[in-house]
């Protein structure tokens, strides 16, 4: 004779009791504590990764400008080209795509980063829009790009990278050919706060980076 032990309930037939108010409170408290601990840590890692990327980007752009100069013998400071070399449409800034950074409440000395004449970095470093002479096998200097793997993009906070290219003078020493003290040239990101705080014109002998700006110095 076969018989069934009805004293044991099967898992399929088992009824789950609802959580008590105390248990729900404990679970929600644990979730809140974990969120309070983990969220700042995650946000800190995100912030640090953005800063690291910006530091790498400004250095890369600086190296690209240096390679451009090495190949062509001149600095890309114009919109156009004349006879394969630099043209006459002078610019003060080379910039990437992105939003124009904000200015501090007292913008004296930094407003040039957003108001001076500008041209796109990609025109000179990626697609040779000015039409510079190409470097060939004849030993003549010329454009040998692209100098960057893809067109420059905005910084990690959506603002443009900027170079005060008007001041780049690769000749040795701290004085220019006229005996005047050179100004420093930077590749700059306005950083996490999106406010450009580094002076546009600074003597090469006394340079300071403002706020949380991220810069790579070219000279």
N, C-alpha and C. Protein backbone atom coordinates (compact mmCIF):
# COMPACT_ATOMS: atom_id res chain seq x y z
N UNK A 1 0.87 -1.18 0.00
CA UNK A 1 0.00 0.00 0.00
C UNK A 1 0.90 1.23 0.00
N UNK A 2 0.52 2.20 -0.83
CA UNK A 2 1.28 3.45 -0.91
C UNK A 2 0.54 4.53 -0.13
N UNK A 3 1.28 5.37 0.51
CA UNK A 3 0.64 6.45 1.24
C UNK A 3 1.49 7.72 1.12
N UNK A 4 0.88 8.86 1.35
CA UNK A 4 1.54 10.16 1.20
C UNK A 4 1.63 10.87 2.52
N UNK A 5 2.84 11.39 2.82
CA UNK A 5 3.03 12.15 4.05
C UNK A 5 2.54 13.57 3.82
N UNK A 6 1.40 13.89 4.37
CA UNK A 6 0.79 15.21 4.16
C UNK A 6 1.25 16.22 5.18
N UNK A 7 2.18 15.81 6.05
CA UNK A 7 2.65 16.74 7.09
C UNK A 7 3.67 17.74 6.56
N UNK A 8 4.24 17.44 5.37
CA UNK A 8 5.24 18.34 4.77
C UNK A 8 4.63 19.05 3.58
N UNK A 9 4.74 20.36 3.53
CA UNK A 9 4.20 21.13 2.39
C UNK A 9 5.26 21.21 1.30
N UNK A 10 4.84 21.18 0.07
CA UNK A 10 5.76 21.31 -1.05
C UNK A 10 6.11 22.76 -1.27
N UNK A 11 7.27 22.95 -1.96
CA UNK A 11 7.67 24.33 -2.25
C UNK A 11 6.66 25.02 -3.14
N UNK A 12 5.99 24.22 -4.02
CA UNK A 12 5.02 24.83 -4.91
C UNK A 12 3.80 25.31 -4.15
N UNK A 13 3.49 24.61 -3.12
CA UNK A 13 2.28 24.99 -2.40
C UNK A 13 2.54 25.90 -1.22
N UNK A 14 3.82 26.18 -0.94
CA UNK A 14 4.14 26.99 0.22
C UNK A 14 3.68 28.43 0.02
N UNK A 15 3.15 29.05 1.00
CA UNK A 15 2.68 30.44 0.93
C UNK A 15 3.69 31.35 1.58
N UNK A 16 4.14 32.38 0.86
CA UNK A 16 5.09 33.33 1.41
C UNK A 16 4.35 34.37 2.25
N UNK A 17 4.84 34.58 3.44
CA UNK A 17 4.21 35.60 4.26
C UNK A 17 4.73 36.97 3.86
N UNK A 18 3.93 37.98 3.93
CA UNK A 18 4.39 39.33 3.58
C UNK A 18 5.42 39.83 4.58
N UNK A 19 6.27 40.73 4.11
CA UNK A 19 7.25 41.33 5.01
C UNK A 19 6.56 42.21 6.03
N UNK A 20 7.08 42.19 7.21
CA UNK A 20 6.53 43.06 8.24
C UNK A 20 7.04 44.48 8.04
N UNK A 21 6.42 45.42 8.69
CA UNK A 21 6.84 46.83 8.60
C UNK A 21 8.27 46.99 9.11
N UNK A 22 8.63 46.26 10.15
CA UNK A 22 9.99 46.35 10.69
C UNK A 22 11.00 45.86 9.66
N UNK A 23 10.69 44.72 9.01
CA UNK A 23 11.60 44.17 8.00
C UNK A 23 11.75 45.13 6.81
N UNK A 24 10.65 45.70 6.36
CA UNK A 24 10.71 46.67 5.25
C UNK A 24 11.56 47.88 5.64
N UNK A 25 11.41 48.32 6.86
CA UNK A 25 12.19 49.48 7.33
C UNK A 25 13.68 49.17 7.34
N UNK A 26 14.02 47.96 7.78
CA UNK A 26 15.43 47.56 7.81
C UNK A 26 16.01 47.50 6.40
N UNK A 27 15.26 46.89 5.46
CA UNK A 27 15.73 46.77 4.08
C UNK A 27 15.93 48.14 3.46
N UNK A 28 14.97 49.04 3.64
CA UNK A 28 15.09 50.38 3.07
C UNK A 28 16.25 51.15 3.70
N UNK A 29 16.48 50.93 4.98
CA UNK A 29 17.60 51.60 5.65
C UNK A 29 18.93 51.14 5.09
N UNK A 30 19.06 49.82 4.85
CA UNK A 30 20.29 49.27 4.28
C UNK A 30 20.53 49.85 2.89
N UNK A 31 19.46 49.92 2.06
CA UNK A 31 19.59 50.49 0.71
C UNK A 31 20.03 51.94 0.78
N UNK A 32 19.45 52.70 1.70
CA UNK A 32 19.81 54.11 1.85
C UNK A 32 21.26 54.28 2.26
N UNK A 33 21.71 53.41 3.18
CA UNK A 33 23.11 53.49 3.64
C UNK A 33 24.07 53.16 2.49
N UNK A 34 23.76 52.11 1.73
CA UNK A 34 24.61 51.74 0.61
C UNK A 34 24.65 52.85 -0.43
N UNK A 35 23.50 53.47 -0.71
CA UNK A 35 23.47 54.56 -1.67
C UNK A 35 24.31 55.74 -1.21
N UNK A 36 24.21 56.04 0.07
CA UNK A 36 24.98 57.17 0.62
C UNK A 36 26.48 56.92 0.53
N UNK A 37 26.88 55.65 0.63
CA UNK A 37 28.30 55.32 0.58
C UNK A 37 28.80 55.21 -0.86
N UNK A 38 28.01 54.55 -1.73
CA UNK A 38 28.47 54.22 -3.08
C UNK A 38 28.33 55.37 -4.07
N UNK A 39 27.25 56.12 -3.99
CA UNK A 39 27.03 57.17 -5.00
C UNK A 39 28.15 58.20 -5.02
N UNK A 40 28.58 58.75 -3.88
CA UNK A 40 29.71 59.70 -3.94
C UNK A 40 30.98 59.07 -4.50
N UNK A 41 31.21 57.79 -4.18
CA UNK A 41 32.40 57.12 -4.70
C UNK A 41 32.34 56.99 -6.21
N UNK A 42 31.18 56.58 -6.72
CA UNK A 42 31.02 56.45 -8.18
C UNK A 42 31.16 57.80 -8.86
N UNK A 43 30.53 58.84 -8.29
CA UNK A 43 30.62 60.17 -8.88
C UNK A 43 32.05 60.69 -8.87
N UNK A 44 32.79 60.36 -7.81
CA UNK A 44 34.19 60.78 -7.74
C UNK A 44 35.00 60.12 -8.83
N UNK A 45 34.76 58.83 -9.07
CA UNK A 45 35.48 58.12 -10.12
C UNK A 45 35.16 58.72 -11.49
N UNK A 46 33.89 59.07 -11.71
CA UNK A 46 33.49 59.68 -12.99
C UNK A 46 34.19 61.02 -13.16
N UNK A 47 34.21 61.82 -12.09
CA UNK A 47 34.86 63.13 -12.16
C UNK A 47 36.35 62.99 -12.45
N UNK A 48 37.01 62.06 -11.78
CA UNK A 48 38.44 61.86 -11.99
C UNK A 48 38.74 61.35 -13.40
N UNK A 49 37.88 60.50 -13.93
CA UNK A 49 38.10 59.99 -15.28
C UNK A 49 37.96 61.10 -16.31
N UNK A 50 37.05 62.03 -16.07
CA UNK A 50 36.89 63.16 -16.99
C UNK A 50 38.10 64.08 -16.94
N UNK A 51 38.60 64.33 -15.74
CA UNK A 51 39.79 65.16 -15.59
C UNK A 51 40.98 64.51 -16.29
N UNK A 52 41.13 63.20 -16.11
CA UNK A 52 42.23 62.48 -16.74
C UNK A 52 42.13 62.55 -18.26
N UNK A 53 40.90 62.39 -18.79
CA UNK A 53 40.73 62.48 -20.24
C UNK A 53 41.09 63.86 -20.76
N UNK A 54 40.67 64.91 -20.04
CA UNK A 54 40.99 66.27 -20.46
C UNK A 54 42.50 66.50 -20.45
N UNK A 55 43.19 65.99 -19.44
CA UNK A 55 44.65 66.14 -19.38
C UNK A 55 45.31 65.44 -20.57
N UNK A 56 44.80 64.28 -20.91
CA UNK A 56 45.36 63.56 -22.05
C UNK A 56 45.08 64.29 -23.35
N UNK A 57 43.87 64.84 -23.47
CA UNK A 57 43.49 65.54 -24.71
C UNK A 57 44.33 66.79 -24.95
N UNK A 58 44.52 67.61 -23.90
CA UNK A 58 45.29 68.85 -24.11
C UNK A 58 46.74 68.53 -24.46
N UNK A 59 47.26 67.46 -23.88
CA UNK A 59 48.64 67.06 -24.21
C UNK A 59 48.71 66.56 -25.65
N UNK A 60 47.73 65.77 -26.06
CA UNK A 60 47.70 65.26 -27.44
C UNK A 60 47.61 66.40 -28.44
N UNK A 61 46.74 67.37 -28.19
CA UNK A 61 46.60 68.50 -29.11
C UNK A 61 47.89 69.31 -29.16
N UNK A 62 48.54 69.47 -28.02
CA UNK A 62 49.82 70.18 -28.01
C UNK A 62 50.87 69.47 -28.83
N UNK A 63 50.93 68.15 -28.71
CA UNK A 63 51.88 67.37 -29.51
C UNK A 63 51.58 67.48 -30.99
N UNK A 64 50.30 67.53 -31.35
CA UNK A 64 49.91 67.66 -32.75
C UNK A 64 50.38 69.00 -33.33
N UNK A 65 50.21 70.06 -32.56
CA UNK A 65 50.68 71.38 -33.01
C UNK A 65 52.19 71.37 -33.20
N UNK A 66 52.91 70.74 -32.27
CA UNK A 66 54.37 70.66 -32.38
C UNK A 66 54.78 69.89 -33.63
N UNK A 67 54.08 68.81 -33.95
CA UNK A 67 54.40 68.03 -35.14
C UNK A 67 54.08 68.82 -36.40
N UNK A 68 52.97 69.57 -36.38
CA UNK A 68 52.63 70.44 -37.51
C UNK A 68 53.76 71.42 -37.78
N UNK A 69 54.26 72.06 -36.72
CA UNK A 69 55.34 73.03 -36.89
C UNK A 69 56.60 72.36 -37.42
N UNK A 70 56.90 71.18 -36.91
CA UNK A 70 58.09 70.47 -37.36
C UNK A 70 58.03 70.16 -38.85
N UNK A 71 56.84 69.81 -39.34
CA UNK A 71 56.68 69.47 -40.75
C UNK A 71 56.65 70.69 -41.67
N UNK A 72 55.97 71.75 -41.23
CA UNK A 72 55.73 72.89 -42.12
C UNK A 72 56.70 74.03 -41.94
N UNK A 73 57.23 74.18 -40.71
CA UNK A 73 58.12 75.29 -40.43
C UNK A 73 57.42 76.55 -40.01
N UNK A 74 56.10 76.49 -39.81
CA UNK A 74 55.36 77.66 -39.34
C UNK A 74 54.23 77.21 -38.42
N UNK A 75 53.67 78.17 -37.70
CA UNK A 75 52.59 77.89 -36.75
C UNK A 75 51.26 78.18 -37.42
N UNK A 76 50.23 77.36 -37.25
CA UNK A 76 48.93 77.59 -37.89
C UNK A 76 48.16 78.73 -37.23
N UNK A 77 48.44 79.96 -37.68
CA UNK A 77 47.81 81.13 -37.08
C UNK A 77 46.89 81.87 -38.05
N UNK A 78 46.57 81.25 -39.20
CA UNK A 78 45.74 81.94 -40.18
C UNK A 78 44.62 81.02 -40.67
N UNK A 79 43.56 81.65 -41.19
CA UNK A 79 42.45 80.90 -41.77
C UNK A 79 42.86 80.24 -43.09
N UNK A 80 43.80 80.85 -43.79
CA UNK A 80 44.06 80.48 -45.18
C UNK A 80 45.53 80.11 -45.39
N UNK A 81 45.86 79.84 -46.64
CA UNK A 81 47.23 79.51 -47.00
C UNK A 81 47.63 80.36 -48.19
N UNK A 82 48.90 80.71 -48.26
CA UNK A 82 49.42 81.47 -49.40
C UNK A 82 50.67 80.77 -49.91
N UNK A 83 50.63 80.36 -51.19
CA UNK A 83 51.76 79.67 -51.82
C UNK A 83 52.17 78.44 -51.00
N UNK A 84 51.19 77.76 -50.40
CA UNK A 84 51.47 76.55 -49.65
C UNK A 84 51.87 76.78 -48.21
N UNK A 85 52.10 78.04 -47.84
CA UNK A 85 52.49 78.36 -46.47
C UNK A 85 51.36 79.08 -45.76
N UNK A 86 51.65 79.74 -44.65
CA UNK A 86 50.60 80.46 -43.94
C UNK A 86 50.08 81.62 -44.76
N UNK A 87 48.82 81.96 -44.54
CA UNK A 87 48.20 83.05 -45.30
C UNK A 87 48.23 84.35 -44.53
N UNK A 88 47.18 85.15 -44.75
CA UNK A 88 47.16 86.48 -44.13
C UNK A 88 45.95 86.68 -43.22
N UNK A 89 45.02 85.72 -43.17
CA UNK A 89 43.84 85.85 -42.32
C UNK A 89 44.15 85.43 -40.90
N UNK A 90 44.80 86.29 -40.14
CA UNK A 90 45.31 85.92 -38.82
C UNK A 90 44.19 85.58 -37.84
N UNK A 91 44.44 84.59 -36.99
CA UNK A 91 43.53 84.23 -35.91
C UNK A 91 44.29 84.23 -34.59
N UNK A 92 43.55 84.42 -33.51
CA UNK A 92 44.14 84.43 -32.18
C UNK A 92 44.00 83.10 -31.46
N UNK A 93 42.95 82.36 -31.83
CA UNK A 93 42.62 81.11 -31.15
C UNK A 93 42.41 79.98 -32.14
N UNK A 94 42.82 78.79 -31.76
CA UNK A 94 42.39 77.57 -32.43
C UNK A 94 41.51 76.82 -31.44
N UNK A 95 40.35 76.36 -31.89
CA UNK A 95 39.38 75.77 -30.97
C UNK A 95 38.81 74.48 -31.52
N UNK A 96 38.35 73.62 -30.62
CA UNK A 96 37.62 72.41 -30.99
C UNK A 96 36.13 72.73 -31.00
N UNK A 97 35.29 71.81 -31.49
CA UNK A 97 33.85 72.00 -31.30
C UNK A 97 33.51 72.01 -29.81
N UNK A 98 32.33 72.49 -29.48
CA UNK A 98 31.90 72.53 -28.08
C UNK A 98 31.34 73.87 -27.71
N UNK A 99 30.75 73.94 -26.54
CA UNK A 99 30.19 75.19 -26.05
C UNK A 99 31.31 76.16 -25.68
N UNK A 100 31.00 77.45 -25.81
CA UNK A 100 31.96 78.46 -25.37
C UNK A 100 31.94 78.52 -23.85
N UNK A 101 33.09 78.35 -23.20
CA UNK A 101 33.11 78.38 -21.72
C UNK A 101 32.58 79.71 -21.18
N UNK A 102 32.10 79.66 -19.96
CA UNK A 102 31.64 80.87 -19.30
C UNK A 102 32.83 81.69 -18.82
N UNK A 103 32.56 82.94 -18.49
CA UNK A 103 33.59 83.82 -17.94
C UNK A 103 33.30 84.09 -16.47
N UNK A 104 34.31 84.35 -15.67
CA UNK A 104 34.07 84.69 -14.27
C UNK A 104 33.35 86.03 -14.14
N UNK A 105 32.90 86.33 -12.94
CA UNK A 105 32.17 87.57 -12.71
C UNK A 105 32.99 88.79 -13.10
N UNK A 106 34.29 88.72 -12.86
CA UNK A 106 35.20 89.80 -13.27
C UNK A 106 36.13 89.22 -14.33
N UNK A 107 35.78 89.37 -15.60
CA UNK A 107 36.50 88.66 -16.66
C UNK A 107 37.77 89.34 -17.16
N UNK A 108 38.25 90.35 -16.46
CA UNK A 108 39.44 91.04 -16.93
C UNK A 108 40.62 90.10 -17.11
N UNK A 109 41.18 90.11 -18.33
CA UNK A 109 42.35 89.29 -18.60
C UNK A 109 42.04 87.91 -19.13
N UNK A 110 40.76 87.48 -19.09
CA UNK A 110 40.42 86.15 -19.60
C UNK A 110 39.38 86.19 -20.72
N UNK A 111 38.75 87.32 -20.94
CA UNK A 111 37.66 87.40 -21.91
C UNK A 111 38.14 87.10 -23.33
N UNK A 112 39.44 87.29 -23.60
CA UNK A 112 39.95 87.01 -24.94
C UNK A 112 39.78 85.54 -25.34
N UNK A 113 39.69 84.65 -24.34
CA UNK A 113 39.48 83.23 -24.65
C UNK A 113 38.15 82.99 -25.35
N UNK A 114 37.20 83.88 -25.18
CA UNK A 114 35.88 83.68 -25.77
C UNK A 114 35.50 84.73 -26.80
N UNK A 115 36.28 85.80 -26.91
CA UNK A 115 35.89 86.89 -27.80
C UNK A 115 36.83 87.10 -28.98
N UNK A 116 38.07 86.63 -28.90
CA UNK A 116 39.02 86.89 -29.99
C UNK A 116 38.73 86.01 -31.20
N UNK A 117 39.31 86.38 -32.34
CA UNK A 117 39.07 85.66 -33.59
C UNK A 117 39.58 84.23 -33.47
N UNK A 118 38.80 83.28 -34.00
CA UNK A 118 39.12 81.86 -33.81
C UNK A 118 38.95 81.08 -35.10
N UNK A 119 39.62 79.95 -35.17
CA UNK A 119 39.47 79.01 -36.27
C UNK A 119 39.46 77.60 -35.68
N UNK A 120 38.91 76.65 -36.42
CA UNK A 120 38.75 75.30 -35.90
C UNK A 120 40.07 74.52 -35.99
N UNK A 121 40.38 73.82 -34.93
CA UNK A 121 41.58 72.99 -34.89
C UNK A 121 41.61 71.95 -36.00
N UNK A 122 40.46 71.35 -36.28
CA UNK A 122 40.43 70.27 -37.25
C UNK A 122 40.83 70.74 -38.65
N UNK A 123 40.60 72.02 -38.97
CA UNK A 123 40.98 72.51 -40.30
C UNK A 123 42.48 72.40 -40.52
N UNK A 124 43.25 72.57 -39.47
CA UNK A 124 44.70 72.59 -39.58
C UNK A 124 45.34 71.23 -39.26
N UNK A 125 44.73 70.51 -38.33
CA UNK A 125 45.34 69.26 -37.86
C UNK A 125 44.77 68.02 -38.51
N UNK A 126 43.57 68.11 -39.09
CA UNK A 126 42.92 66.90 -39.57
C UNK A 126 42.68 66.89 -41.08
N UNK A 127 42.11 67.97 -41.62
CA UNK A 127 41.73 67.92 -43.04
C UNK A 127 42.37 68.97 -43.93
N UNK A 128 43.31 69.75 -43.41
CA UNK A 128 44.06 70.73 -44.21
C UNK A 128 43.15 71.61 -45.04
N UNK A 129 42.15 72.18 -44.40
CA UNK A 129 41.23 73.06 -45.12
C UNK A 129 41.92 74.31 -45.67
N UNK A 130 42.92 74.89 -44.98
CA UNK A 130 43.59 76.06 -45.57
C UNK A 130 44.33 75.75 -46.86
N UNK A 131 44.62 74.48 -47.11
CA UNK A 131 45.33 74.11 -48.34
C UNK A 131 46.83 74.28 -48.27
N UNK A 132 47.43 73.90 -47.15
CA UNK A 132 48.88 73.99 -47.04
C UNK A 132 49.56 73.04 -48.04
N UNK A 133 50.75 73.42 -48.45
CA UNK A 133 51.54 72.56 -49.32
C UNK A 133 51.73 71.21 -48.64
N UNK A 134 51.54 70.14 -49.40
CA UNK A 134 51.73 68.80 -48.84
C UNK A 134 53.21 68.44 -48.84
N UNK A 135 53.61 67.72 -47.83
CA UNK A 135 54.99 67.29 -47.73
C UNK A 135 55.22 66.12 -48.69
N UNK A 136 56.19 66.24 -49.56
CA UNK A 136 56.48 65.21 -50.54
C UNK A 136 57.86 64.62 -50.36
N UNK A 137 58.36 64.05 -51.41
CA UNK A 137 59.69 63.44 -51.38
C UNK A 137 60.78 64.37 -51.90
N UNK A 138 60.44 65.63 -52.11
CA UNK A 138 61.41 66.58 -52.65
C UNK A 138 62.23 67.28 -51.57
N UNK A 139 62.00 66.92 -50.31
CA UNK A 139 62.74 67.52 -49.22
C UNK A 139 62.18 68.85 -48.76
N UNK A 140 61.13 69.34 -49.43
CA UNK A 140 60.51 70.60 -49.04
C UNK A 140 59.58 70.38 -47.85
N UNK A 141 59.51 71.36 -46.94
CA UNK A 141 58.57 71.22 -45.82
C UNK A 141 57.14 71.25 -46.31
N UNK A 142 56.25 70.67 -45.55
CA UNK A 142 54.86 70.66 -45.94
C UNK A 142 53.98 69.90 -44.95
N UNK A 143 52.69 70.02 -45.17
CA UNK A 143 51.69 69.38 -44.31
C UNK A 143 51.75 67.88 -44.50
N UNK A 144 51.83 67.13 -43.42
CA UNK A 144 51.94 65.68 -43.51
C UNK A 144 50.95 65.01 -42.56
N UNK A 145 49.75 65.60 -42.49
CA UNK A 145 48.73 65.08 -41.59
C UNK A 145 47.93 63.96 -42.22
N UNK A 146 46.82 63.57 -41.59
CA UNK A 146 46.30 64.21 -40.39
C UNK A 146 47.17 63.95 -39.16
N UNK A 147 47.19 64.96 -38.29
CA UNK A 147 48.02 64.88 -37.09
C UNK A 147 47.26 64.31 -35.89
N UNK A 148 46.00 64.03 -36.10
CA UNK A 148 45.17 63.47 -35.05
C UNK A 148 44.27 62.42 -35.69
N UNK A 149 43.97 61.35 -34.95
CA UNK A 149 43.27 60.20 -35.53
C UNK A 149 41.86 60.53 -36.00
N UNK A 150 41.20 61.48 -35.34
CA UNK A 150 39.85 61.88 -35.71
C UNK A 150 39.69 63.36 -35.37
N UNK A 151 38.70 64.04 -35.93
CA UNK A 151 38.54 65.46 -35.62
C UNK A 151 38.43 65.70 -34.12
N UNK A 152 39.05 66.77 -33.62
CA UNK A 152 38.96 67.07 -32.19
C UNK A 152 37.51 67.21 -31.74
N UNK A 153 37.23 66.83 -30.52
CA UNK A 153 35.89 66.92 -29.95
C UNK A 153 35.90 67.89 -28.77
N UNK A 154 34.71 68.10 -28.20
CA UNK A 154 34.61 68.93 -27.00
C UNK A 154 35.28 68.26 -25.83
N UNK A 155 35.55 69.02 -24.78
CA UNK A 155 36.13 68.43 -23.58
C UNK A 155 35.06 67.60 -22.86
N UNK A 156 35.40 66.88 -21.80
CA UNK A 156 34.43 65.98 -21.16
C UNK A 156 33.20 66.68 -20.59
N UNK A 157 33.23 68.00 -20.47
CA UNK A 157 32.08 68.73 -19.95
C UNK A 157 31.33 69.48 -21.05
N UNK A 158 31.68 69.18 -22.29
CA UNK A 158 30.95 69.75 -23.42
C UNK A 158 31.44 71.08 -23.92
N UNK A 159 32.54 71.59 -23.36
CA UNK A 159 33.10 72.87 -23.80
C UNK A 159 34.26 72.66 -24.76
N UNK A 160 34.60 73.70 -25.49
CA UNK A 160 35.65 73.58 -26.50
C UNK A 160 37.04 73.66 -25.86
N UNK A 161 37.97 72.91 -26.43
CA UNK A 161 39.38 73.11 -26.12
C UNK A 161 39.84 74.35 -26.87
N UNK A 162 40.79 75.09 -26.29
CA UNK A 162 41.23 76.35 -26.89
C UNK A 162 42.74 76.48 -26.80
N UNK A 163 43.33 77.05 -27.84
CA UNK A 163 44.77 77.35 -27.86
C UNK A 163 44.93 78.82 -28.21
N UNK A 164 45.59 79.58 -27.34
CA UNK A 164 45.88 80.99 -27.67
C UNK A 164 47.09 81.03 -28.62
N UNK A 165 46.84 80.53 -29.82
CA UNK A 165 47.89 80.28 -30.80
C UNK A 165 48.60 81.56 -31.23
N UNK A 166 47.96 82.69 -31.03
CA UNK A 166 48.57 83.96 -31.42
C UNK A 166 49.93 84.16 -30.74
N UNK A 167 50.12 83.53 -29.58
CA UNK A 167 51.36 83.73 -28.83
C UNK A 167 52.40 82.65 -29.07
N UNK A 168 52.09 81.65 -29.86
CA UNK A 168 53.06 80.57 -30.02
C UNK A 168 54.22 81.03 -30.90
N UNK A 169 55.39 81.04 -30.32
CA UNK A 169 56.61 81.45 -31.01
C UNK A 169 57.68 80.43 -30.66
N UNK A 170 57.90 79.43 -31.53
CA UNK A 170 58.79 78.31 -31.19
C UNK A 170 60.28 78.64 -31.17
N UNK A 171 60.66 79.87 -31.51
CA UNK A 171 62.08 80.18 -31.50
C UNK A 171 62.63 80.11 -30.07
N UNK A 172 63.91 79.78 -29.90
CA UNK A 172 64.47 79.60 -28.56
C UNK A 172 64.45 80.90 -27.75
N UNK A 173 64.67 80.74 -26.44
CA UNK A 173 64.79 81.84 -25.49
C UNK A 173 63.43 82.45 -25.15
N UNK A 174 63.44 83.35 -24.19
CA UNK A 174 62.19 83.93 -23.69
C UNK A 174 61.87 85.26 -24.37
N UNK A 175 62.76 85.74 -25.23
CA UNK A 175 62.52 86.99 -25.95
C UNK A 175 62.24 86.69 -27.42
N UNK A 176 61.36 87.50 -28.02
CA UNK A 176 61.10 87.33 -29.44
C UNK A 176 62.17 88.06 -30.25
N UNK A 177 62.01 88.08 -31.58
CA UNK A 177 63.03 88.68 -32.44
C UNK A 177 63.17 90.17 -32.24
N UNK A 178 62.17 90.79 -31.62
CA UNK A 178 62.22 92.23 -31.36
C UNK A 178 62.74 92.54 -29.95
N UNK A 179 63.13 91.50 -29.22
CA UNK A 179 63.64 91.71 -27.88
C UNK A 179 62.58 91.82 -26.81
N UNK A 180 61.31 91.52 -27.19
CA UNK A 180 60.21 91.60 -26.22
C UNK A 180 59.99 90.24 -25.55
N UNK A 181 59.56 90.27 -24.31
CA UNK A 181 59.29 89.04 -23.58
C UNK A 181 58.11 88.31 -24.21
N UNK A 182 58.29 87.03 -24.47
CA UNK A 182 57.22 86.24 -25.08
C UNK A 182 56.09 86.00 -24.09
N UNK A 183 54.90 85.75 -24.65
CA UNK A 183 53.75 85.33 -23.84
C UNK A 183 53.60 83.82 -23.93
N UNK A 184 53.07 83.22 -22.88
CA UNK A 184 52.89 81.77 -22.84
C UNK A 184 51.74 81.34 -23.74
N UNK A 185 51.88 80.15 -24.31
CA UNK A 185 50.84 79.58 -25.15
C UNK A 185 50.36 78.28 -24.51
N UNK A 186 49.05 78.14 -24.38
CA UNK A 186 48.47 76.97 -23.74
C UNK A 186 47.46 76.28 -24.64
N UNK A 187 47.30 74.97 -24.44
CA UNK A 187 46.08 74.27 -24.83
C UNK A 187 45.25 74.18 -23.55
N UNK A 188 44.00 74.65 -23.60
CA UNK A 188 43.24 74.84 -22.36
C UNK A 188 41.85 74.24 -22.43
N UNK A 189 41.44 73.61 -21.33
CA UNK A 189 40.05 73.24 -21.07
C UNK A 189 39.61 74.02 -19.85
N UNK A 190 38.38 74.52 -19.86
CA UNK A 190 37.89 75.30 -18.72
C UNK A 190 37.57 74.44 -17.51
N UNK A 191 37.73 73.13 -17.61
CA UNK A 191 37.57 72.26 -16.46
C UNK A 191 36.13 71.99 -16.08
N UNK A 192 35.98 71.38 -14.93
CA UNK A 192 34.66 70.89 -14.50
C UNK A 192 33.66 72.01 -14.28
N UNK A 193 34.12 73.18 -13.80
CA UNK A 193 33.16 74.26 -13.55
C UNK A 193 32.78 75.02 -14.81
N UNK A 194 33.45 74.74 -15.93
CA UNK A 194 33.08 75.36 -17.20
C UNK A 194 33.37 76.84 -17.29
N UNK A 195 34.20 77.35 -16.39
CA UNK A 195 34.54 78.78 -16.37
C UNK A 195 36.03 78.92 -16.67
N UNK A 196 36.37 79.67 -17.70
CA UNK A 196 37.79 79.84 -18.02
C UNK A 196 38.36 80.91 -17.09
N UNK A 197 39.43 80.54 -16.37
CA UNK A 197 39.96 81.41 -15.32
C UNK A 197 41.46 81.66 -15.44
N UNK A 198 42.06 81.19 -16.52
CA UNK A 198 43.49 81.40 -16.74
C UNK A 198 43.68 82.62 -17.63
N UNK A 199 44.55 83.51 -17.26
CA UNK A 199 44.78 84.73 -18.04
C UNK A 199 45.21 84.37 -19.46
N UNK A 200 44.70 85.11 -20.42
CA UNK A 200 44.99 84.86 -21.83
C UNK A 200 46.43 85.21 -22.16
N UNK A 201 46.90 86.31 -21.63
CA UNK A 201 48.23 86.83 -21.95
C UNK A 201 49.07 86.81 -20.68
N UNK A 202 50.05 85.89 -20.64
CA UNK A 202 50.94 85.81 -19.48
C UNK A 202 52.38 85.70 -19.96
N UNK A 203 53.30 86.41 -19.34
CA UNK A 203 54.71 86.29 -19.73
C UNK A 203 55.21 84.88 -19.45
N UNK A 204 56.07 84.38 -20.31
CA UNK A 204 56.55 83.01 -20.15
C UNK A 204 57.33 82.80 -18.86
N UNK A 205 57.79 83.87 -18.26
CA UNK A 205 58.57 83.75 -17.04
C UNK A 205 57.71 83.76 -15.77
N UNK A 206 56.41 83.99 -15.91
CA UNK A 206 55.54 84.09 -14.73
C UNK A 206 54.15 83.59 -15.10
N UNK A 207 53.98 82.28 -15.12
CA UNK A 207 52.73 81.67 -15.59
C UNK A 207 51.95 81.06 -14.43
N UNK A 208 50.64 81.31 -14.42
CA UNK A 208 49.77 80.73 -13.39
C UNK A 208 48.51 80.19 -14.06
N UNK A 209 48.07 79.02 -13.62
CA UNK A 209 46.83 78.42 -14.11
C UNK A 209 45.72 78.79 -13.14
N UNK A 210 44.60 79.30 -13.67
CA UNK A 210 43.52 79.75 -12.81
C UNK A 210 42.47 78.69 -12.55
N UNK A 211 41.88 78.72 -11.35
CA UNK A 211 40.76 77.85 -11.01
C UNK A 211 41.05 76.38 -11.25
N UNK A 212 40.07 75.69 -11.84
CA UNK A 212 40.25 74.26 -12.13
C UNK A 212 40.55 74.03 -13.61
N UNK A 213 41.00 75.09 -14.30
CA UNK A 213 41.37 74.94 -15.72
C UNK A 213 42.42 73.83 -15.87
N UNK A 214 42.35 73.16 -16.99
CA UNK A 214 43.31 72.10 -17.31
C UNK A 214 44.09 72.54 -18.54
N UNK A 215 45.41 72.64 -18.42
CA UNK A 215 46.20 73.20 -19.50
C UNK A 215 47.41 72.34 -19.80
N UNK A 216 47.85 72.46 -21.05
CA UNK A 216 49.14 71.92 -21.46
C UNK A 216 49.88 73.09 -22.09
N UNK A 217 51.06 73.37 -21.58
CA UNK A 217 51.80 74.55 -22.05
C UNK A 217 52.64 74.20 -23.28
N UNK A 218 52.50 75.03 -24.32
CA UNK A 218 53.28 74.86 -25.54
C UNK A 218 54.57 75.66 -25.48
N UNK A 219 54.56 76.79 -24.79
CA UNK A 219 55.80 77.56 -24.58
C UNK A 219 55.64 78.40 -23.32
